[in-house]
Amino acid sequence: MRDRDLSLKIQERKSETKQAVSVYQIDPLQDSRWRHFSLEHPSASVFHTPAWLEALRRTYGYEPFVLTTCPPGQELTNGLVLCRINSRFTGRRLVSLPFSDHCEPLVDGPKDIEQLHCGLEGLVEEENLKYIEIRPAHARLGGMPAFGKAKKFWSHRIDLRPSLDQLFHSFHRDCVQRKVRRAEREVLSHEEGRSESLLQQFYYLLVLTRRRQQLPPHPLNWFRNLIGYLGDGIRIRVASKNGQPVASILTLRYKDALVYKYGCSDTRFSQYGGMPFLLWRAIQEAKENGLQEFDLGRSDCDNPGLVAFKDRWGSKRSSLTYWRCPPPNPEDLRPGWTARAARQMVAHIPGSFLIMAGKLFYRHVG
């Protein structure tokens, strides 16, 4: 996609500056400025990288682009990365970013946010969008009248700077420490890497887990693309008992952070502590590699079991708010009867049909 001057004028009611501003769209997969800028910006995460964006494009057909006030040829000083989702079922919309827990606007200050979001407001009408959704890690968009709160989650992060002994003793005594020791006594085997064999074991457990959650699994090709484009930045860990996979996690590494993105298990073997065992191994390796933070990802506020599980790892919990333009109607955010019926159906359909449902479903939900 070539640079495109949108020349959107900030409306006076939206801006105290009352001056025109030009915003541009650039292709983060082709424009080398984005790779350099996202690598250097302190708020950038793995979700800003061209590798993550390419995996989204290859798997789901989403079109990534970056909105910036920096003209072509000039060094980037700000940028908001989004994906275009065109679905006949869920509508045309922009999301920053699909299947990403958070995606912070990379800016220098409030003025940049104001200009970029006024540019986004213009895109709603220009492209006949259902909505634009921004998923910042920290930024608050409450001062932007065109945006309203959409969904709220909890974000959980573990500070890895204390010693391993201090970290271990910060975990819940019964729900984490005891289970890790049980796993060690059971002599669970442990493999890690990104081979096709490990991917197949991970995916087998993922299908089991998503069925329990009454959701289809992400397509296998999504994980193959992540492995292909993230390379050394992705790791699959599998715990097994007597050759039987019992738990698996998939983590992403970027800069000084490790991100826990997917976890799955076979509940028939929960007593062996496979999941705590793998998370503890991941923390140990992160410490060995000098990483500073373990991002445990987001949790739905109405999922107290998952929230408690992550809290028990001594993580710091903070709110994660998604924002939409135009602001959503509260009724639009509640699952309708079709969603409830679909969840009931997922619980009973055969595995092969469940996998097929995932291939069809996820490209429309983002």
Protein backbone atom coordinates (compact mmCIF):
# COMPACT_ATOMS: atom_id res chain seq x y z
CA MET A 1 0.00 0.00 0.00
CA ARG A 2 1.41 3.37 -1.01
CA ASP A 3 1.50 6.35 1.35
CA ARG A 4 -1.82 8.11 1.24
CA ASP A 5 -2.42 11.69 2.38
CA LEU A 6 -5.84 11.75 4.04
CA SER A 7 -5.61 15.50 4.82
CA LEU A 8 -8.21 15.32 7.57
CA LYS A 9 -9.05 18.60 9.23
CA ILE A 10 -9.50 18.42 12.99
CA GLN A 11 -12.94 19.64 13.88
CA GLU A 12 -12.90 22.59 16.28
CA ARG A 13 -15.03 20.85 18.84
CA LYS A 14 -12.49 18.00 18.93
CA SER A 15 -9.32 20.05 19.17
CA GLU A 16 -8.02 22.96 21.14
CA THR A 17 -5.44 23.65 18.43
CA LYS A 18 -8.10 24.49 15.80
CA GLN A 19 -5.70 23.80 12.96
CA ALA A 20 -5.61 21.42 10.04
CA VAL A 21 -3.43 18.34 10.23
CA SER A 22 -2.46 15.76 7.64
CA VAL A 23 -2.39 12.09 8.52
CA TYR A 24 -0.92 9.34 6.38
CA GLN A 25 -1.35 5.62 5.99
CA ILE A 26 1.77 3.52 5.57
CA ASP A 27 2.25 -0.20 5.05
CA PRO A 28 4.12 -1.61 8.10
CA LEU A 29 5.08 -4.71 6.11
CA GLN A 30 6.82 -2.69 3.37
CA ASP A 31 7.88 0.60 4.97
CA SER A 32 11.19 -0.03 6.77
CA ARG A 33 10.58 2.99 8.99
CA TRP A 34 7.95 1.07 10.96
CA ARG A 35 10.26 -1.83 11.76
CA HIS A 36 12.92 0.54 13.09
CA PHE A 37 10.45 2.79 14.93
CA SER A 38 8.60 -0.07 16.66
CA LEU A 39 11.89 -1.67 17.68
CA GLU A 40 13.10 1.54 19.31
CA HIS A 41 9.87 2.79 20.91
CA PRO A 42 9.70 1.91 24.64
CA SER A 43 5.95 1.15 24.53
CA ALA A 44 6.11 -1.25 21.58
CA SER A 45 5.26 -4.91 22.13
CA VAL A 46 5.44 -8.06 20.05
CA PHE A 47 2.00 -7.15 18.71
CA HIS A 48 3.48 -4.11 16.89
CA THR A 49 6.03 -6.13 14.97
CA PRO A 50 5.87 -6.78 11.22
CA ALA A 51 6.15 -10.51 12.02
CA TRP A 52 2.92 -10.50 14.07
CA LEU A 53 1.16 -8.37 11.45
CA GLU A 54 2.26 -10.66 8.63
CA ALA A 55 0.93 -13.70 10.48
CA LEU A 56 -2.44 -11.92 10.90
CA ARG A 57 -2.51 -11.05 7.20
CA ARG A 58 -1.51 -14.51 6.01
CA THR A 59 -3.96 -16.36 8.26
CA TYR A 60 -7.05 -14.17 8.27
CA GLY A 61 -6.64 -11.85 5.28
CA TYR A 62 -6.58 -8.70 7.41
CA GLU A 63 -4.95 -5.63 5.86
CA PRO A 64 -2.56 -3.96 8.34
CA PHE A 65 -1.69 -0.28 8.10
CA VAL A 66 -0.23 2.45 10.30
CA LEU A 67 -1.77 5.87 10.77
CA THR A 68 0.82 8.61 11.39
CA THR A 69 1.23 12.37 11.15
CA CYS A 70 4.72 11.92 9.71
CA PRO A 71 4.95 12.59 5.94
CA PRO A 72 6.57 10.13 3.52
CA GLY A 73 10.36 10.18 3.71
CA GLN A 74 10.51 11.65 7.20
CA GLU A 75 11.50 9.76 10.33
CA LEU A 76 8.52 8.34 12.20
CA THR A 77 7.75 9.91 15.57
CA ASN A 78 4.29 8.41 16.07
CA GLY A 79 2.09 5.66 14.73
CA LEU A 80 -1.08 3.73 15.42
CA VAL A 81 -1.20 0.28 13.82
CA LEU A 82 -4.56 -1.18 12.80
CA CYS A 83 -6.06 -3.96 10.70
CA ARG A 84 -8.95 -3.67 8.28
CA ILE A 85 -11.52 -6.41 8.79
CA ASN A 86 -14.06 -6.85 6.00
CA SER A 87 -16.73 -9.39 6.95
CA ARG A 88 -20.20 -9.84 5.53
CA PHE A 89 -21.23 -11.26 8.91
CA THR A 90 -19.67 -8.82 11.39
CA GLY A 91 -19.21 -5.75 9.19
CA ARG A 92 -16.38 -3.51 8.06
CA ARG A 93 -14.23 -2.22 10.89
CA LEU A 94 -10.74 -1.27 12.03
CA VAL A 95 -9.18 -3.00 15.03
CA SER A 96 -5.89 -2.30 16.80
CA LEU A 97 -5.22 -5.21 16.83
CA PRO A 98 -7.12 -8.46 16.23
CA PHE A 99 -6.17 -11.39 18.51
CA SER A 100 -3.76 -9.08 20.38
CA ASP A 101 -4.26 -8.52 24.11
CA HIS A 102 -3.23 -4.89 23.76
CA CYS A 103 -1.68 -2.53 21.24
CA GLU A 104 -0.51 0.79 22.62
CA PRO A 105 -0.57 3.86 20.33
CA LEU A 106 3.12 4.71 19.83
CA VAL A 107 3.15 8.46 20.46
CA ASP A 108 5.17 11.17 22.19
CA GLY A 109 2.27 12.81 23.98
CA PRO A 110 -1.43 13.77 24.13
CA LYS A 111 -1.21 15.96 21.03
CA ASP A 112 -0.21 12.98 18.89
CA ILE A 113 -3.11 10.94 20.27
CA GLU A 114 -5.54 13.76 19.59
CA GLN A 115 -4.42 14.15 15.98
CA LEU A 116 -4.39 10.43 15.22
CA HIS A 117 -7.78 9.81 16.73
CA CYS A 118 -9.35 12.71 14.94
CA GLY A 119 -7.97 11.11 11.80
CA LEU A 120 -9.63 7.84 12.80
CA GLU A 121 -12.94 9.60 13.32
CA GLY A 122 -12.81 10.73 9.72
CA LEU A 123 -12.18 7.17 8.53
CA VAL A 124 -15.45 5.92 10.06
CA GLU A 125 -17.45 7.95 7.57
CA GLU A 126 -14.99 7.76 4.67
CA GLU A 127 -14.83 3.95 4.67
CA ASN A 128 -18.38 3.33 5.94
CA LEU A 129 -17.11 1.46 8.99
CA LYS A 130 -19.23 -0.19 11.65
CA TYR A 131 -16.70 0.95 14.24
CA ILE A 132 -13.03 1.41 15.10
CA GLU A 133 -11.71 -0.40 18.18
CA ILE A 134 -8.47 0.60 19.94
CA ARG A 135 -6.92 -1.72 22.53
CA PRO A 136 -4.29 0.32 24.40
CA ALA A 137 -2.22 -1.11 27.21
CA HIS A 138 -2.04 2.17 29.13
CA ALA A 139 -3.44 5.09 27.13
CA ARG A 140 -6.79 6.49 28.25
CA LEU A 141 -9.06 7.80 25.52
CA GLY A 142 -11.78 9.18 27.77
CA GLY A 143 -10.92 12.73 26.66
CA MET A 144 -11.86 11.89 23.06
CA PRO A 145 -15.64 12.42 22.74
CA ALA A 146 -15.87 10.23 19.64
CA PHE A 147 -14.61 7.21 21.61
CA GLY A 148 -16.42 5.30 24.31
CA LYS A 149 -15.53 2.34 26.50
CA ALA A 150 -16.20 -1.00 24.83
CA LYS A 151 -14.85 -3.89 26.90
CA LYS A 152 -12.85 -4.15 30.09
CA PHE A 153 -10.35 -6.85 31.05
CA TRP A 154 -7.68 -7.43 33.65
CA SER A 155 -4.03 -7.46 32.61
CA HIS A 156 -1.53 -9.49 34.67
CA ARG A 157 2.25 -9.00 34.74
CA ILE A 158 5.01 -10.55 36.83
CA ASP A 159 8.09 -8.48 37.64
CA LEU A 160 11.02 -10.80 36.98
CA ARG A 161 13.69 -8.65 38.63
CA PRO A 162 13.56 -10.38 42.05
CA SER A 163 15.58 -13.57 42.53
CA LEU A 164 14.13 -16.94 41.56
CA ASP A 165 13.78 -17.84 45.22
CA GLN A 166 11.88 -14.61 45.93
CA LEU A 167 9.65 -15.18 42.92
CA PHE A 168 8.84 -18.76 43.89
CA HIS A 169 7.91 -17.78 47.43
CA SER A 170 5.62 -15.03 46.12
CA PHE A 171 3.46 -17.70 44.48
CA HIS A 172 0.38 -19.09 46.23
CA ARG A 173 1.56 -21.82 48.58
CA ASP A 174 -1.09 -24.43 47.81
CA CYS A 175 -2.23 -23.58 44.29
CA VAL A 176 1.18 -22.96 42.73
CA GLN A 177 4.15 -23.95 44.91
CA ARG A 178 2.67 -27.30 45.94
CA LYS A 179 1.65 -28.15 42.36
CA VAL A 180 5.09 -27.33 40.99
CA ARG A 181 6.69 -29.63 43.56
CA ARG A 182 4.14 -32.34 42.74
CA ALA A 183 5.02 -32.08 39.05
CA GLU A 184 8.71 -32.43 39.90
CA ARG A 185 8.02 -35.52 42.02
CA GLU A 186 5.97 -37.03 39.20
CA VAL A 187 8.98 -36.50 36.93
CA LEU A 188 6.95 -34.96 34.13
CA SER A 189 8.91 -34.84 30.91
CA HIS A 190 9.38 -31.47 29.30
CA GLU A 191 10.03 -30.50 25.69
CA GLU A 192 10.26 -27.07 24.14
CA GLY A 193 10.86 -25.59 20.73
CA ARG A 194 8.80 -24.92 17.61
CA SER A 195 8.90 -28.24 15.75
CA GLU A 196 5.90 -29.67 13.91
CA SER A 197 5.75 -32.48 16.49
CA LEU A 198 5.45 -30.03 19.40
CA LEU A 199 2.91 -27.97 17.45
CA GLN A 200 0.75 -31.06 16.92
CA GLN A 201 0.86 -31.93 20.64
CA PHE A 202 0.01 -28.34 21.55
CA TYR A 203 -2.88 -28.27 19.09
CA TYR A 204 -4.29 -31.57 20.33
CA LEU A 205 -4.48 -30.08 23.83
CA LEU A 206 -5.80 -26.77 22.50
CA VAL A 207 -8.77 -28.49 20.83
CA LEU A 208 -9.60 -30.24 24.12
CA THR A 209 -9.38 -26.98 26.03
CA ARG A 210 -11.42 -24.90 23.60
CA ARG A 211 -14.14 -27.55 23.62
CA ARG A 212 -14.33 -27.25 27.42
CA GLN A 213 -14.62 -23.49 26.96
CA GLN A 214 -17.33 -24.04 24.32
CA LEU A 215 -15.28 -22.26 21.67
CA PRO A 216 -13.67 -23.45 18.43
CA PRO A 217 -9.86 -23.55 18.31
CA HIS A 218 -7.89 -21.08 16.25
CA PRO A 219 -6.88 -22.58 12.89
CA LEU A 220 -3.69 -24.62 12.94
CA ASN A 221 -2.35 -22.41 10.17
CA TRP A 222 -2.39 -19.44 12.58
CA PHE A 223 0.20 -21.12 14.75
CA ARG A 224 2.23 -22.28 11.76
CA ASN A 225 2.36 -18.69 10.53
CA LEU A 226 3.37 -17.41 13.96
CA ILE A 227 6.21 -19.94 14.04
CA GLY A 228 7.23 -19.09 10.49
CA TYR A 229 7.36 -15.32 10.99
CA LEU A 230 8.33 -14.93 14.65
CA GLY A 231 11.05 -17.57 14.50
CA ASP A 232 13.13 -17.56 17.68
CA GLY A 233 10.57 -15.25 19.29
CA ILE A 234 8.06 -18.05 19.77
CA ARG A 235 8.32 -21.12 21.99
CA ILE A 236 6.01 -24.10 22.56
CA ARG A 237 6.44 -26.01 25.81
CA VAL A 238 4.83 -29.40 26.39
CA ALA A 239 4.67 -31.42 29.61
CA SER A 240 4.01 -35.16 29.30
CA LYS A 241 3.37 -38.08 31.63
CA ASN A 242 4.54 -41.46 30.33
CA GLY A 243 4.55 -40.10 26.78
CA GLN A 244 1.04 -38.57 27.05
CA PRO A 245 0.88 -34.75 26.59
CA VAL A 246 -0.87 -33.29 29.64
CA ALA A 247 -0.29 -29.52 29.32
CA SER A 248 1.21 -27.02 26.90
CA ILE A 249 1.86 -23.29 26.70
CA LEU A 250 2.89 -21.00 23.86
CA THR A 251 4.96 -17.93 24.73
CA LEU A 252 6.24 -14.96 22.74
CA ARG A 253 9.50 -13.17 23.47
CA TYR A 254 10.12 -9.54 22.54
CA LYS A 255 12.81 -7.22 23.91
CA ASP A 256 12.94 -7.81 27.68
CA ALA A 257 9.47 -9.36 28.03
CA LEU A 258 7.99 -12.83 27.76
CA VAL A 259 4.29 -13.07 26.85
CA TYR A 260 2.12 -16.02 27.83
CA LYS A 261 -0.28 -16.15 24.87
CA TYR A 262 -1.92 -19.59 24.87
CA GLY A 263 -2.26 -22.36 27.41
CA CYS A 264 -4.05 -25.69 27.20
CA SER A 265 -4.29 -28.97 29.08
CA ASP A 266 -5.98 -32.32 29.45
CA THR A 267 -8.04 -32.14 32.67
CA ARG A 268 -7.75 -35.91 33.15
CA PHE A 269 -4.17 -35.26 34.29
CA SER A 270 -4.66 -32.00 36.22
CA GLN A 271 -3.44 -33.62 39.44
CA TYR A 272 0.09 -33.76 38.03
CA GLY A 273 0.45 -29.97 37.94
CA GLY A 274 1.51 -29.74 34.30
CA MET A 275 0.46 -26.13 33.74
CA PRO A 276 2.17 -24.66 36.85
CA PHE A 277 5.22 -26.75 36.00
CA LEU A 278 5.47 -25.24 32.50
CA LEU A 279 4.89 -21.67 33.66
CA TRP A 280 7.59 -22.06 36.31
CA ARG A 281 9.99 -23.44 33.69
CA ALA A 282 9.21 -20.45 31.46
CA ILE A 283 9.92 -18.04 34.33
CA GLN A 284 13.22 -19.77 35.12
CA GLU A 285 14.37 -19.55 31.49
CA ALA A 286 13.23 -15.92 31.24
CA LYS A 287 15.38 -15.11 34.28
CA GLU A 288 18.35 -16.95 32.77
CA ASN A 289 17.98 -14.83 29.62
CA GLY A 290 17.83 -11.57 31.55
CA LEU A 291 14.18 -10.74 30.82
CA GLN A 292 12.45 -8.22 33.08
CA GLU A 293 8.75 -9.04 32.77
CA PHE A 294 6.40 -11.97 32.26
CA ASP A 295 3.13 -10.78 30.71
CA LEU A 296 0.42 -13.28 31.66
CA GLY A 297 -2.03 -11.67 29.23
CA ARG A 298 -5.58 -10.54 29.74
CA SER A 299 -8.48 -12.08 31.67
CA ASP A 300 -12.19 -11.45 31.27
CA CYS A 301 -13.46 -9.60 34.33
CA ASP A 302 -16.34 -12.08 34.55
CA ASN A 303 -13.99 -15.09 34.63
CA PRO A 304 -13.03 -15.19 38.33
CA GLY A 305 -11.33 -18.58 37.99
CA LEU A 306 -8.81 -17.34 35.43
CA VAL A 307 -8.28 -14.06 37.30
CA ALA A 308 -7.56 -15.96 40.53
CA PHE A 309 -5.19 -18.36 38.74
CA LYS A 310 -3.06 -15.47 37.46
CA ASP A 311 -3.23 -13.56 40.74
CA ARG A 312 -1.76 -16.59 42.51
CA TRP A 313 1.48 -16.14 40.55
CA GLY A 314 2.23 -12.92 42.41
CA SER A 315 1.34 -10.88 39.34
CA LYS A 316 0.35 -7.23 39.37
CA ARG A 317 -3.19 -6.74 38.10
CA SER A 318 -4.24 -3.64 36.17
CA SER A 319 -7.32 -2.69 34.16
CA LEU A 320 -7.30 -3.00 30.39
CA THR A 321 -9.98 -0.99 28.59
CA TYR A 322 -10.86 -1.18 24.90
CA TRP A 323 -12.37 1.89 23.20
CA ARG A 324 -14.68 2.25 20.20
CA CYS A 325 -15.65 4.98 17.79
CA PRO A 326 -18.57 5.51 17.63
CA PRO A 327 -19.21 4.60 21.29
CA PRO A 328 -21.03 1.27 21.56
CA ASN A 329 -24.53 0.67 22.82
CA PRO A 330 -24.25 -1.50 25.97
CA GLU A 331 -26.66 -3.98 24.38
CA ASP A 332 -24.23 -4.50 21.51
CA LEU A 333 -21.57 -5.78 23.91
CA ARG A 334 -23.70 -8.54 25.39
CA PRO A 335 -23.67 -11.98 23.78
CA GLY A 336 -26.95 -12.62 22.00
CA TRP A 337 -28.95 -15.83 21.68
CA THR A 338 -26.97 -16.82 18.58
CA ALA A 339 -23.70 -16.72 20.52
CA ARG A 340 -25.19 -18.77 23.34
CA ALA A 341 -26.59 -21.31 20.90
CA ALA A 342 -23.22 -21.55 19.14
CA ARG A 343 -21.45 -22.29 22.43
CA GLN A 344 -23.89 -25.10 23.15
CA MET A 345 -23.32 -26.52 19.68
CA VAL A 346 -19.53 -26.44 20.06
CA ALA A 347 -19.76 -28.63 23.14
CA HIS A 348 -21.20 -31.50 21.10
CA ILE A 349 -19.88 -31.44 17.54
CA PRO A 350 -17.07 -33.85 16.51
CA GLY A 351 -13.47 -32.66 16.67
CA SER A 352 -13.00 -32.40 12.91
CA PHE A 353 -16.05 -30.15 12.59
CA LEU A 354 -14.87 -28.09 15.55
CA ILE A 355 -11.56 -27.42 13.81
CA MET A 356 -13.39 -26.53 10.60
CA ALA A 357 -15.61 -24.14 12.56
CA GLY A 358 -12.50 -22.37 13.83
CA LYS A 359 -11.22 -21.85 10.30
CA LEU A 360 -14.51 -20.20 9.32
CA PHE A 361 -15.22 -18.36 12.57
CA TYR A 362 -12.13 -16.42 13.57
CA ARG A 363 -11.56 -14.40 10.42
CA HIS A 364 -14.92 -12.71 11.12
CA VAL A 365 -14.45 -11.87 14.81
CA GLY A 366 -10.95 -10.38 15.11
